[in-house]
Amino acid sequence: MRRARETALPVAARLGLSITFDDGLAEFDRDAASYIPIEELKAAGDPRWNEVPEQPEHFRAVVVETVERIVAAHSGQRVAIVCHGGVINAYAGHVLGIDDPLFFLPDYTSISRVFAAGTGQRSIASLNEAAHLRHL
């Protein structure tokens, strides 16, 4: 979660907002003894790079409930949720009706936008935007 916090800090500072941490948005490997970036696992041919989280249905349910709770608490407002790729996959997959728990590999610091209507309808406005990284 440290990387997510480091991403959120400058955004919050620039907008004069506080950061709230929610364990329901923690990545599926939060209890792992160490973190190895997925691209390193892939490059090394480590079979863990393509593993899905244990109990992906439970993980998705927790993520969806957490995001929906945040949406309900901020009706009519914009909310930024800073998280990792598994969380993005879980919620985007829910909205799009995709069962695969890891259907794509989000870029680091990419932006995905979801519209949340008061009727309960959810729409993906964008997924994995990375234009802000082109100069890097």
C-alpha atoms as a PDB file:
ATOM      1  CA  MET A   1       0.000   0.000   0.000  1.00  0.00           C
ATOM      2  CA  ARG A   2       3.000   2.294   0.339  1.00  0.00           C
ATOM      3  CA  ARG A   3       3.114   2.972  -3.406  1.00  0.00           C
ATOM      4  CA  ALA A   4      -0.576   3.856  -3.449  1.00  0.00           C
ATOM      5  CA  ARG A   5      -0.065   6.265  -0.562  1.00  0.00           C
ATOM      6  CA  GLU A   6       2.918   7.844  -2.326  1.00  0.00           C
ATOM      7  CA  THR A   7       0.751   8.364  -5.412  1.00  0.00           C
ATOM      8  CA  ALA A   8      -2.114   9.863  -3.424  1.00  0.00           C
ATOM      9  CA  LEU A   9      -0.057  12.328  -1.389  1.00  0.00           C
ATOM     10  CA  PRO A  10       0.790  14.891  -4.120  1.00  0.00           C
ATOM     11  CA  VAL A  11      -2.756  14.799  -5.507  1.00  0.00           C
ATOM     12  CA  ALA A  12      -4.229  15.388  -2.062  1.00  0.00           C
ATOM     13  CA  ALA A  13      -1.711  18.137  -1.291  1.00  0.00           C
ATOM     14  CA  ARG A  14      -2.382  19.941  -4.567  1.00  0.00           C
ATOM     15  CA  LEU A  15      -6.148  19.823  -4.051  1.00  0.00           C
ATOM     16  CA  GLY A  16      -6.015  20.492  -0.303  1.00  0.00           C
ATOM     17  CA  LEU A  17      -7.674  17.200   0.532  1.00  0.00           C
ATOM     18  CA  SER A  18      -7.093  14.656   3.242  1.00  0.00           C
ATOM     19  CA  ILE A  19      -6.418  10.997   2.540  1.00  0.00           C
ATOM     20  CA  THR A  20      -8.567   8.244   3.981  1.00  0.00           C
ATOM     21  CA  PHE A  21      -7.287   4.675   4.016  1.00  0.00           C
ATOM     22  CA  ASP A  22      -9.714   1.794   3.552  1.00  0.00           C
ATOM     23  CA  ASP A  23      -8.603  -1.806   4.016  1.00  0.00           C
ATOM     24  CA  GLY A  24     -11.311  -2.914   1.583  1.00  0.00           C
ATOM     25  CA  LEU A  25      -9.153  -1.453  -1.199  1.00  0.00           C
ATOM     26  CA  ALA A  26      -5.991  -3.341  -0.225  1.00  0.00           C
ATOM     27  CA  GLU A  27      -4.468  -5.499  -2.946  1.00  0.00           C
ATOM     28  CA  PHE A  28      -5.133  -9.241  -2.932  1.00  0.00           C
ATOM     29  CA  ASP A  29      -1.505  -9.967  -1.966  1.00  0.00           C
ATOM     30  CA  ARG A  30      -1.563  -7.651   1.055  1.00  0.00           C
ATOM     31  CA  ASP A  31      -0.649 -10.501   3.394  1.00  0.00           C
ATOM     32  CA  ALA A  32       2.367 -11.667   1.364  1.00  0.00           C
ATOM     33  CA  ALA A  33       5.689 -11.691   3.178  1.00  0.00           C
ATOM     34  CA  SER A  34       7.271  -9.542   0.463  1.00  0.00           C
ATOM     35  CA  TYR A  35       6.326  -7.717  -2.717  1.00  0.00           C
ATOM     36  CA  ILE A  36       7.763  -8.580  -6.116  1.00  0.00           C
ATOM     37  CA  PRO A  37       6.527  -6.468  -9.055  1.00  0.00           C
ATOM     38  CA  ILE A  38       4.456  -8.555 -11.440  1.00  0.00           C
ATOM     39  CA  GLU A  39       6.636  -7.622 -14.414  1.00  0.00           C
ATOM     40  CA  GLU A  40       9.675  -9.017 -12.572  1.00  0.00           C
ATOM     41  CA  LEU A  41       7.816 -12.259 -11.893  1.00  0.00           C
ATOM     42  CA  LYS A  42       6.863 -12.436 -15.582  1.00  0.00           C
ATOM     43  CA  ALA A  43      10.403 -11.702 -16.816  1.00  0.00           C
ATOM     44  CA  ALA A  44      11.807 -14.395 -14.538  1.00  0.00           C
ATOM     45  CA  GLY A  45       9.234 -16.940 -15.718  1.00  0.00           C
ATOM     46  CA  ASP A  46       7.983 -17.278 -12.147  1.00  0.00           C
ATOM     47  CA  PRO A  47       4.589 -19.049 -12.214  1.00  0.00           C
ATOM     48  CA  ARG A  48       3.243 -16.607  -9.614  1.00  0.00           C
ATOM     49  CA  TRP A  49       3.051 -13.848 -12.256  1.00  0.00           C
ATOM     50  CA  ASN A  50      -0.097 -15.368 -13.730  1.00  0.00           C
ATOM     51  CA  GLU A  51      -1.741 -16.544 -10.513  1.00  0.00           C
ATOM     52  CA  VAL A  52      -5.117 -15.209  -9.598  1.00  0.00           C
ATOM     53  CA  PRO A  53      -5.888 -14.241  -6.014  1.00  0.00           C
ATOM     54  CA  GLU A  54      -7.161 -16.911  -3.695  1.00  0.00           C
ATOM     55  CA  GLN A  55     -10.932 -16.728  -3.464  1.00  0.00           C
ATOM     56  CA  PRO A  56     -11.259 -14.158  -6.277  1.00  0.00           C
ATOM     57  CA  GLU A  57     -15.034 -13.967  -5.768  1.00  0.00           C
ATOM     58  CA  HIS A  58     -14.547 -12.905  -2.159  1.00  0.00           C
ATOM     59  CA  PHE A  59     -11.852 -10.380  -3.107  1.00  0.00           C
ATOM     60  CA  ARG A  60     -14.110  -8.884  -5.793  1.00  0.00           C
ATOM     61  CA  ALA A  61     -17.077  -8.749  -3.420  1.00  0.00           C
ATOM     62  CA  VAL A  62     -15.044  -6.834  -0.828  1.00  0.00           C
ATOM     63  CA  VAL A  63     -13.713  -4.398  -3.444  1.00  0.00           C
ATOM     64  CA  VAL A  64     -17.142  -3.807  -4.970  1.00  0.00           C
ATOM     65  CA  GLU A  65     -18.774  -3.286  -1.561  1.00  0.00           C
ATOM     66  CA  THR A  66     -16.029  -0.863  -0.564  1.00  0.00           C
ATOM     67  CA  VAL A  67     -16.194   1.192  -3.770  1.00  0.00           C
ATOM     68  CA  GLU A  68     -19.991   1.301  -3.635  1.00  0.00           C
ATOM     69  CA  ARG A  69     -19.862   2.455  -0.004  1.00  0.00           C
ATOM     70  CA  ILE A  70     -17.462   5.244  -0.996  1.00  0.00           C
ATOM     71  CA  VAL A  71     -19.707   6.256  -3.908  1.00  0.00           C
ATOM     72  CA  ALA A  72     -22.771   6.349  -1.651  1.00  0.00           C
ATOM     73  CA  ALA A  73     -20.957   8.495   0.911  1.00  0.00           C
ATOM     74  CA  HIS A  74     -19.995  11.023  -1.772  1.00  0.00           C
ATOM     75  CA  SER A  75     -23.125  11.262  -3.890  1.00  0.00           C
ATOM     76  CA  GLY A  76     -22.772  13.914  -6.589  1.00  0.00           C
ATOM     77  CA  GLN A  77     -19.050  14.380  -5.907  1.00  0.00           C
ATOM     78  CA  ARG A  78     -15.848  13.316  -7.599  1.00  0.00           C
ATOM     79  CA  VAL A  79     -13.801  10.794  -5.683  1.00  0.00           C
ATOM     80  CA  ALA A  80     -10.259   9.612  -6.364  1.00  0.00           C
ATOM     81  CA  ILE A  81      -9.428   6.097  -5.280  1.00  0.00           C
ATOM     82  CA  VAL A  82      -5.740   5.242  -5.433  1.00  0.00           C
ATOM     83  CA  CYS A  83      -5.142   1.512  -5.481  1.00  0.00           C
ATOM     84  CA  HIS A  84      -3.360  -1.338  -7.238  1.00  0.00           C
ATOM     85  CA  GLY A  85      -4.115  -3.415 -10.320  1.00  0.00           C
ATOM     86  CA  GLY A  86      -6.024  -6.229  -8.639  1.00  0.00           C
ATOM     87  CA  VAL A  87      -8.496  -3.770  -7.148  1.00  0.00           C
ATOM     88  CA  ILE A  88      -8.892  -2.038 -10.521  1.00  0.00           C
ATOM     89  CA  ASN A  89      -9.473  -5.399 -12.205  1.00  0.00           C
ATOM     90  CA  ALA A  90     -12.013  -6.427  -9.577  1.00  0.00           C
ATOM     91  CA  TYR A  91     -14.158  -3.305  -9.838  1.00  0.00           C
ATOM     92  CA  ALA A  92     -13.811  -2.771 -13.600  1.00  0.00           C
ATOM     93  CA  GLY A  93     -14.551  -6.453 -14.185  1.00  0.00           C
ATOM     94  CA  HIS A  94     -17.659  -6.123 -12.035  1.00  0.00           C
ATOM     95  CA  VAL A  95     -18.898  -3.114 -14.003  1.00  0.00           C
ATOM     96  CA  LEU A  96     -18.105  -4.705 -17.369  1.00  0.00           C
ATOM     97  CA  GLY A  97     -19.433  -8.152 -16.443  1.00  0.00           C
ATOM     98  CA  ILE A  98     -16.049  -9.842 -16.936  1.00  0.00           C
ATOM     99  CA  ASP A  99     -15.507 -12.905 -14.741  1.00  0.00           C
ATOM    100  CA  ASP A 100     -11.722 -13.164 -15.214  1.00  0.00           C
ATOM    101  CA  PRO A 101     -10.332 -11.715 -11.960  1.00  0.00           C
ATOM    102  CA  LEU A 102      -7.202 -10.351 -13.690  1.00  0.00           C
ATOM    103  CA  PHE A 103      -8.380  -9.562 -17.219  1.00  0.00           C
ATOM    104  CA  PHE A 104      -5.744  -6.881 -17.912  1.00  0.00           C
ATOM    105  CA  LEU A 105      -2.494  -5.488 -16.515  1.00  0.00           C
ATOM    106  CA  PRO A 106      -2.951  -1.821 -15.591  1.00  0.00           C
ATOM    107  CA  ASP A 107       0.013   0.490 -16.133  1.00  0.00           C
ATOM    108  CA  TYR A 108       1.588   1.997 -13.046  1.00  0.00           C
ATOM    109  CA  THR A 109      -0.069   5.350 -12.215  1.00  0.00           C
ATOM    110  CA  SER A 110      -2.665   4.869 -14.944  1.00  0.00           C
ATOM    111  CA  ILE A 111      -6.055   6.462 -14.502  1.00  0.00           C
ATOM    112  CA  SER A 112      -9.365   4.670 -14.884  1.00  0.00           C
ATOM    113  CA  ARG A 113     -12.614   6.577 -14.604  1.00  0.00           C
ATOM    114  CA  VAL A 114     -16.017   5.214 -13.651  1.00  0.00           C
ATOM    115  CA  PHE A 115     -19.279   7.142 -13.806  1.00  0.00           C
ATOM    116  CA  ALA A 116     -21.626   6.266 -10.943  1.00  0.00           C
ATOM    117  CA  ALA A 117     -25.234   7.300 -11.512  1.00  0.00           C
ATOM    118  CA  GLY A 118     -27.608   7.747  -8.605  1.00  0.00           C
ATOM    119  CA  THR A 119     -29.768   5.052 -10.214  1.00  0.00           C
ATOM    120  CA  GLY A 120     -27.042   2.505  -9.510  1.00  0.00           C
ATOM    121  CA  GLN A 121     -25.820   2.318 -13.103  1.00  0.00           C
ATOM    122  CA  ARG A 122     -22.041   2.227 -13.452  1.00  0.00           C
ATOM    123  CA  SER A 123     -20.159   2.985 -16.661  1.00  0.00           C
ATOM    124  CA  ILE A 124     -16.463   2.757 -17.467  1.00  0.00           C
ATOM    125  CA  ALA A 125     -15.499   6.164 -18.877  1.00  0.00           C
ATOM    126  CA  SER A 126     -11.876   5.163 -19.408  1.00  0.00           C
ATOM    127  CA  LEU A 127      -9.632   2.290 -18.451  1.00  0.00           C
ATOM    128  CA  ASN A 128      -5.869   2.430 -18.016  1.00  0.00           C
ATOM    129  CA  GLU A 129      -5.283   6.000 -19.257  1.00  0.00           C
ATOM    130  CA  ALA A 130      -1.573   6.728 -19.384  1.00  0.00           C
ATOM    131  CA  ALA A 131      -1.268   9.844 -21.583  1.00  0.00           C
ATOM    132  CA  HIS A 132       0.065  11.784 -18.586  1.00  0.00           C
ATOM    133  CA  LEU A 133       3.106   9.483 -18.647  1.00  0.00           C
ATOM    134  CA  ARG A 134       4.141  10.095 -22.264  1.00  0.00           C
ATOM    135  CA  HIS A 135       6.796  12.656 -21.348  1.00  0.00           C
ATOM    136  CA  LEU A 136       8.548  10.197 -19.016  1.00  0.00           C
END
